[in-house]
Amino acid sequence: MLYDYYKILDIPRTASLDDIKKAYRLKAKLVHPDVNNSPKANEVFAVVSEAYDVLCDEQKRYLHDVKLNYIDAEKINAEKKRQYYGSSLKNDSFSNPTNANFNYDWNSFSQYAYKEKTEEDYYKQSPVLYNLFFASGMSLGLGIIGVTIFGTLEHYWPFPFVLISVAGFILVREGWKGILGRKSLLGGILKRLRK
């Protein structure tokens, strides 16, 4: 199969060697089998590595560019033929999808590799740290509740200050939901921190 390696790494065809290296590192962080537990991660990582190898070597990159230019020219010719003759062409590989020799559909191949991690995946990865995060949120919430109520009852600050304890109640509730495995606001924050 021939892929457009520039599309795989999300870089323009005029990209420099530094741009290629940066793009490869970003893609590798997403699809490396040690990080991504999807069943197609090995295959996708192999294609991403192949793209990097080809684009870093000047001769291989030149040959790849020649192939891409040829394919682009053939697609343009096929489109012209289709516009002129209509859709009755049967032997043209670019106008007839059943005869297509080249696979440019990288997205359909890689969609399984970019699987979003769920809270359950994070829990399986390190359950102690996962629950410790939520327990620390609950303890912070209990601290906020205790300090605001005690300070208000002892007249250290005015009564409206007790409204700050609402944030403490929210932290306790969200931490409890996270420990029980339900979707919580703190879980979303934890997911963003891991990215």
C-alpha atoms as a PDB file:
ATOM      1  CA  MET A   1       0.000   0.000   0.000  1.00  0.00           C
ATOM      2  CA  LEU A   2       1.160   3.490  -0.765  1.00  0.00           C
ATOM      3  CA  TYR A   3       0.383   6.141   1.794  1.00  0.00           C
ATOM      4  CA  ASP A   4       0.984   9.836   1.586  1.00  0.00           C
ATOM      5  CA  TYR A   5       3.572  10.049   4.344  1.00  0.00           C
ATOM      6  CA  TYR A   6       3.137  13.793   4.569  1.00  0.00           C
ATOM      7  CA  LYS A   7      -0.522  13.330   5.477  1.00  0.00           C
ATOM      8  CA  ILE A   8       0.366  10.661   8.010  1.00  0.00           C
ATOM      9  CA  LEU A   9       2.737  13.016   9.831  1.00  0.00           C
ATOM     10  CA  ASP A  10       0.462  16.056   9.219  1.00  0.00           C
ATOM     11  CA  ILE A  11       3.169  18.129   7.563  1.00  0.00           C
ATOM     12  CA  PRO A  12       3.374  19.986   4.231  1.00  0.00           C
ATOM     13  CA  ARG A  13       5.432  18.569   1.370  1.00  0.00           C
ATOM     14  CA  THR A  14       7.943  21.372   1.863  1.00  0.00           C
ATOM     15  CA  ALA A  15       8.665  20.388   5.482  1.00  0.00           C
ATOM     16  CA  SER A  16      12.240  20.550   6.728  1.00  0.00           C
ATOM     17  CA  LEU A  17      14.050  17.723   8.496  1.00  0.00           C
ATOM     18  CA  ASP A  18      13.401  19.356  11.886  1.00  0.00           C
ATOM     19  CA  ASP A  19       9.683  19.628  11.104  1.00  0.00           C
ATOM     20  CA  ILE A  20       9.611  15.941  10.181  1.00  0.00           C
ATOM     21  CA  LYS A  21      11.325  14.957  13.429  1.00  0.00           C
ATOM     22  CA  LYS A  22       8.926  17.068  15.522  1.00  0.00           C
ATOM     23  CA  ALA A  23       5.884  15.677  13.724  1.00  0.00           C
ATOM     24  CA  TYR A  24       7.152  12.112  14.154  1.00  0.00           C
ATOM     25  CA  ARG A  25       7.662  12.593  17.897  1.00  0.00           C
ATOM     26  CA  LEU A  26       4.126  13.956  18.277  1.00  0.00           C
ATOM     27  CA  LYS A  27       2.594  11.049  16.322  1.00  0.00           C
ATOM     28  CA  ALA A  28       4.736   8.465  18.117  1.00  0.00           C
ATOM     29  CA  LYS A  29       3.481   9.738  21.478  1.00  0.00           C
ATOM     30  CA  LEU A  30      -0.076   9.038  20.339  1.00  0.00           C
ATOM     31  CA  VAL A  31       0.266   5.694  18.583  1.00  0.00           C
ATOM     32  CA  HIS A  32       3.207   3.922  20.250  1.00  0.00           C
ATOM     33  CA  PRO A  33       2.030   0.498  21.488  1.00  0.00           C
ATOM     34  CA  ASP A  34       3.419   1.179  24.986  1.00  0.00           C
ATOM     35  CA  VAL A  35       1.137   4.211  25.307  1.00  0.00           C
ATOM     36  CA  ASN A  36      -1.828   3.185  23.166  1.00  0.00           C
ATOM     37  CA  ASN A  37      -3.588  -0.076  23.981  1.00  0.00           C
ATOM     38  CA  SER A  38      -5.653  -0.349  20.815  1.00  0.00           C
ATOM     39  CA  PRO A  39      -5.323  -3.567  18.778  1.00  0.00           C
ATOM     40  CA  LYS A  40      -4.086  -1.716  15.664  1.00  0.00           C
ATOM     41  CA  ALA A  41      -1.439   0.338  17.486  1.00  0.00           C
ATOM     42  CA  ASN A  42       1.466  -1.860  16.279  1.00  0.00           C
ATOM     43  CA  GLU A  43       0.429  -1.565  12.640  1.00  0.00           C
ATOM     44  CA  VAL A  44      -0.172   2.167  12.799  1.00  0.00           C
ATOM     45  CA  PHE A  45       3.106   2.780  14.615  1.00  0.00           C
ATOM     46  CA  ALA A  46       4.910   0.751  11.940  1.00  0.00           C
ATOM     47  CA  VAL A  47       3.421   2.952   9.206  1.00  0.00           C
ATOM     48  CA  VAL A  48       4.299   6.141  11.129  1.00  0.00           C
ATOM     49  CA  SER A  49       7.884   4.874  11.580  1.00  0.00           C
ATOM     50  CA  GLU A  50       8.059   4.005   7.892  1.00  0.00           C
ATOM     51  CA  ALA A  51       6.887   7.524   7.025  1.00  0.00           C
ATOM     52  CA  TYR A  52       9.626   8.970   9.210  1.00  0.00           C
ATOM     53  CA  ASP A  53      12.305   6.715   7.674  1.00  0.00           C
ATOM     54  CA  VAL A  54      11.291   7.582   4.115  1.00  0.00           C
ATOM     55  CA  LEU A  55      10.996  11.330   4.658  1.00  0.00           C
ATOM     56  CA  CYS A  56      14.327  11.604   6.506  1.00  0.00           C
ATOM     57  CA  ASP A  57      16.286   9.921   3.695  1.00  0.00           C
ATOM     58  CA  GLU A  58      16.746  12.303   0.740  1.00  0.00           C
ATOM     59  CA  GLN A  59      16.675   9.636  -1.970  1.00  0.00           C
ATOM     60  CA  LYS A  60      13.657   7.814  -0.541  1.00  0.00           C
ATOM     61  CA  ARG A  61      11.860  11.124  -0.079  1.00  0.00           C
ATOM     62  CA  TYR A  62      12.569  12.105  -3.697  1.00  0.00           C
ATOM     63  CA  LEU A  63      11.151   8.784  -4.966  1.00  0.00           C
ATOM     64  CA  HIS A  64       8.126   9.153  -2.704  1.00  0.00           C
ATOM     65  CA  ASP A  65       7.508  12.663  -4.047  1.00  0.00           C
ATOM     66  CA  VAL A  66       7.755  11.380  -7.619  1.00  0.00           C
ATOM     67  CA  LYS A  67       5.164   8.674  -6.863  1.00  0.00           C
ATOM     68  CA  LEU A  68       2.838  11.183  -5.203  1.00  0.00           C
ATOM     69  CA  ASN A  69       3.129  13.595  -8.130  1.00  0.00           C
ATOM     70  CA  TYR A  70       2.380  10.770 -10.556  1.00  0.00           C
ATOM     71  CA  ILE A  71      -0.659   9.680  -8.542  1.00  0.00           C
ATOM     72  CA  ASP A  72      -1.906  13.259  -8.294  1.00  0.00           C
ATOM     73  CA  ALA A  73      -1.540  13.674 -12.064  1.00  0.00           C
ATOM     74  CA  GLU A  74      -3.393  10.389 -12.664  1.00  0.00           C
ATOM     75  CA  LYS A  75      -6.216  11.490 -10.379  1.00  0.00           C
ATOM     76  CA  ILE A  76      -6.534  14.758 -12.256  1.00  0.00           C
ATOM     77  CA  ASN A  77      -6.617  12.886 -15.586  1.00  0.00           C
ATOM     78  CA  ALA A  78      -9.199  10.448 -14.246  1.00  0.00           C
ATOM     79  CA  GLU A  79     -11.370  13.324 -13.056  1.00  0.00           C
ATOM     80  CA  LYS A  80     -11.114  14.976 -16.461  1.00  0.00           C
ATOM     81  CA  LYS A  81     -12.079  11.704 -18.164  1.00  0.00           C
ATOM     82  CA  ARG A  82     -14.997  11.229 -15.788  1.00  0.00           C
ATOM     83  CA  GLN A  83     -16.225  14.740 -16.495  1.00  0.00           C
ATOM     84  CA  TYR A  84     -15.862  14.234 -20.235  1.00  0.00           C
ATOM     85  CA  TYR A  85     -17.108  10.645 -20.611  1.00  0.00           C
ATOM     86  CA  GLY A  86     -19.315  10.373 -17.550  1.00  0.00           C
ATOM     87  CA  SER A  87     -19.176   7.636 -14.944  1.00  0.00           C
ATOM     88  CA  SER A  88     -19.155   4.732 -17.439  1.00  0.00           C
ATOM     89  CA  LEU A  89     -15.385   4.160 -17.286  1.00  0.00           C
ATOM     90  CA  LYS A  90     -14.678   0.636 -16.015  1.00  0.00           C
ATOM     91  CA  ASN A  91     -10.930   0.126 -16.318  1.00  0.00           C
ATOM     92  CA  ASP A  92      -9.686   3.363 -14.886  1.00  0.00           C
ATOM     93  CA  SER A  93      -8.276   2.629 -11.433  1.00  0.00           C
ATOM     94  CA  PHE A  94      -8.738   6.167 -10.153  1.00  0.00           C
ATOM     95  CA  SER A  95     -12.303   6.713 -11.300  1.00  0.00           C
ATOM     96  CA  ASN A  96     -13.523   3.225 -10.377  1.00  0.00           C
ATOM     97  CA  PRO A  97     -13.169   2.680  -6.625  1.00  0.00           C
ATOM     98  CA  THR A  98     -13.275  -1.139  -6.944  1.00  0.00           C
ATOM     99  CA  ASN A  99     -10.051  -1.095  -8.991  1.00  0.00           C
ATOM    100  CA  ALA A 100      -8.144   1.378  -6.818  1.00  0.00           C
ATOM    101  CA  ASN A 101      -4.505   0.330  -6.433  1.00  0.00           C
ATOM    102  CA  PHE A 102      -3.475   3.033  -4.002  1.00  0.00           C
ATOM    103  CA  ASN A 103      -4.763   3.501  -0.497  1.00  0.00           C
ATOM    104  CA  TYR A 104      -4.828   7.132   0.534  1.00  0.00           C
ATOM    105  CA  ASP A 105      -7.404   6.498   3.215  1.00  0.00           C
ATOM    106  CA  TRP A 106      -5.067   6.802   6.187  1.00  0.00           C
ATOM    107  CA  ASN A 107      -7.894   7.934   8.477  1.00  0.00           C
ATOM    108  CA  SER A 108      -9.879   4.714   8.136  1.00  0.00           C
ATOM    109  CA  PHE A 109      -6.742   2.703   8.891  1.00  0.00           C
ATOM    110  CA  SER A 110      -5.603   4.752  11.860  1.00  0.00           C
ATOM    111  CA  GLN A 111      -8.977   5.484  13.464  1.00  0.00           C
ATOM    112  CA  TYR A 112      -8.612   2.428  15.682  1.00  0.00           C
ATOM    113  CA  ALA A 113      -5.200   3.531  16.898  1.00  0.00           C
ATOM    114  CA  TYR A 114      -6.363   6.896  18.199  1.00  0.00           C
ATOM    115  CA  LYS A 115      -8.665   5.390  20.774  1.00  0.00           C
ATOM    116  CA  GLU A 116      -9.448   7.844  23.540  1.00  0.00           C
ATOM    117  CA  LYS A 117      -8.533   6.500  26.966  1.00  0.00           C
ATOM    118  CA  THR A 118     -11.441   6.097  29.351  1.00  0.00           C
ATOM    119  CA  GLU A 119     -11.406   6.528  33.104  1.00  0.00           C
ATOM    120  CA  GLU A 120     -11.456   2.734  33.366  1.00  0.00           C
ATOM    121  CA  ASP A 121      -8.198   2.548  31.364  1.00  0.00           C
ATOM    122  CA  TYR A 122      -6.552   5.020  33.732  1.00  0.00           C
ATOM    123  CA  TYR A 123      -7.829   3.072  36.715  1.00  0.00           C
ATOM    124  CA  LYS A 124      -6.395  -0.193  35.350  1.00  0.00           C
ATOM    125  CA  GLN A 125      -3.085   1.525  34.660  1.00  0.00           C
ATOM    126  CA  SER A 126      -2.555   2.654  38.276  1.00  0.00           C
ATOM    127  CA  PRO A 127      -5.525   2.174  40.637  1.00  0.00           C
ATOM    128  CA  VAL A 128      -3.712   3.478  43.725  1.00  0.00           C
ATOM    129  CA  LEU A 129      -2.780   6.809  42.127  1.00  0.00           C
ATOM    130  CA  TYR A 130      -6.208   7.091  40.544  1.00  0.00           C
ATOM    131  CA  ASN A 131      -8.013   6.696  43.877  1.00  0.00           C
ATOM    132  CA  LEU A 132      -5.418   8.832  45.672  1.00  0.00           C
ATOM    133  CA  PHE A 133      -6.241  11.712  43.337  1.00  0.00           C
ATOM    134  CA  PHE A 134      -9.922  11.528  44.237  1.00  0.00           C
ATOM    135  CA  ALA A 135      -9.217  10.989  47.941  1.00  0.00           C
ATOM    136  CA  SER A 136      -7.028  14.109  48.000  1.00  0.00           C
ATOM    137  CA  GLY A 137      -9.850  16.072  46.373  1.00  0.00           C
ATOM    138  CA  MET A 138     -12.258  14.811  49.028  1.00  0.00           C
ATOM    139  CA  SER A 139      -9.880  15.702  51.872  1.00  0.00           C
ATOM    140  CA  LEU A 140      -9.365  19.182  50.414  1.00  0.00           C
ATOM    141  CA  GLY A 141     -13.161  19.580  50.224  1.00  0.00           C
ATOM    142  CA  LEU A 142     -13.599  18.438  53.837  1.00  0.00           C
ATOM    143  CA  GLY A 143     -10.878  20.897  54.886  1.00  0.00           C
ATOM    144  CA  ILE A 144     -12.647  23.766  53.131  1.00  0.00           C
ATOM    145  CA  ILE A 145     -15.958  22.830  54.750  1.00  0.00           C
ATOM    146  CA  GLY A 146     -14.422  22.526  58.210  1.00  0.00           C
ATOM    147  CA  VAL A 147     -12.466  25.772  58.084  1.00  0.00           C
ATOM    148  CA  THR A 148     -15.324  27.884  56.731  1.00  0.00           C
ATOM    149  CA  ILE A 149     -17.915  26.549  59.177  1.00  0.00           C
ATOM    150  CA  PHE A 150     -15.558  26.742  62.184  1.00  0.00           C
ATOM    151  CA  GLY A 151     -14.414  30.252  61.240  1.00  0.00           C
ATOM    152  CA  THR A 152     -17.982  31.447  60.813  1.00  0.00           C
ATOM    153  CA  LEU A 153     -19.174  29.926  64.110  1.00  0.00           C
ATOM    154  CA  GLU A 154     -16.233  31.432  66.020  1.00  0.00           C
ATOM    155  CA  HIS A 155     -16.903  34.830  64.386  1.00  0.00           C
ATOM    156  CA  TYR A 156     -13.502  35.075  62.701  1.00  0.00           C
ATOM    157  CA  TRP A 157     -15.219  36.266  59.522  1.00  0.00           C
ATOM    158  CA  PRO A 158     -18.756  37.298  58.519  1.00  0.00           C
ATOM    159  CA  PHE A 159     -21.559  34.815  57.873  1.00  0.00           C
ATOM    160  CA  PRO A 160     -21.589  35.063  54.013  1.00  0.00           C
ATOM    161  CA  PHE A 161     -18.085  33.582  54.073  1.00  0.00           C
ATOM    162  CA  VAL A 162     -19.698  30.203  54.804  1.00  0.00           C
ATOM    163  CA  LEU A 163     -20.806  30.095  51.140  1.00  0.00           C
ATOM    164  CA  ILE A 164     -17.229  29.089  50.273  1.00  0.00           C
ATOM    165  CA  SER A 165     -18.041  25.710  51.816  1.00  0.00           C
ATOM    166  CA  VAL A 166     -20.187  24.993  48.730  1.00  0.00           C
ATOM    167  CA  ALA A 167     -16.935  24.444  46.815  1.00  0.00           C
ATOM    168  CA  GLY A 168     -15.897  21.973  49.505  1.00  0.00           C
ATOM    169  CA  PHE A 169     -19.165  20.044  49.159  1.00  0.00           C
ATOM    170  CA  ILE A 170     -18.661  19.882  45.383  1.00  0.00           C
ATOM    171  CA  LEU A 171     -15.121  18.527  45.822  1.00  0.00           C
ATOM    172  CA  VAL A 172     -16.310  15.874  48.269  1.00  0.00           C
ATOM    173  CA  ARG A 173     -19.152  14.796  45.968  1.00  0.00           C
ATOM    174  CA  GLU A 174     -16.967  14.658  42.839  1.00  0.00           C
ATOM    175  CA  GLY A 175     -14.198  12.787  44.668  1.00  0.00           C
ATOM    176  CA  TRP A 176     -16.694  10.228  45.937  1.00  0.00           C
ATOM    177  CA  LYS A 177     -18.105   9.746  42.434  1.00  0.00           C
ATOM    178  CA  GLY A 178     -14.579   9.232  41.104  1.00  0.00           C
ATOM    179  CA  ILE A 179     -13.732   6.603  43.702  1.00  0.00           C
ATOM    180  CA  LEU A 180     -16.958   4.742  42.919  1.00  0.00           C
ATOM    181  CA  GLY A 181     -16.030   4.827  39.211  1.00  0.00           C
ATOM    182  CA  ARG A 182     -18.758   7.146  37.991  1.00  0.00           C
ATOM    183  CA  LYS A 183     -18.090  10.007  35.606  1.00  0.00           C
ATOM    184  CA  SER A 184     -16.988  13.051  37.519  1.00  0.00           C
ATOM    185  CA  LEU A 185     -15.658  16.532  36.972  1.00  0.00           C
ATOM    186  CA  LEU A 186     -12.386  15.614  38.689  1.00  0.00           C
ATOM    187  CA  GLY A 187     -12.027  12.661  36.311  1.00  0.00           C
ATOM    188  CA  GLY A 188     -12.174  15.046  33.357  1.00  0.00           C
ATOM    189  CA  ILE A 189      -9.524  17.227  34.974  1.00  0.00           C
ATOM    190  CA  LEU A 190      -7.352  14.156  35.582  1.00  0.00           C
ATOM    191  CA  LYS A 191      -7.741  13.126  31.925  1.00  0.00           C
ATOM    192  CA  ARG A 192      -6.629  16.589  30.749  1.00  0.00           C
ATOM    193  CA  LEU A 193      -3.623  16.522  33.087  1.00  0.00           C
ATOM    194  CA  ARG A 194      -2.469  13.193  31.619  1.00  0.00           C
ATOM    195  CA  LYS A 195      -2.411  14.544  28.038  1.00  0.00           C
END
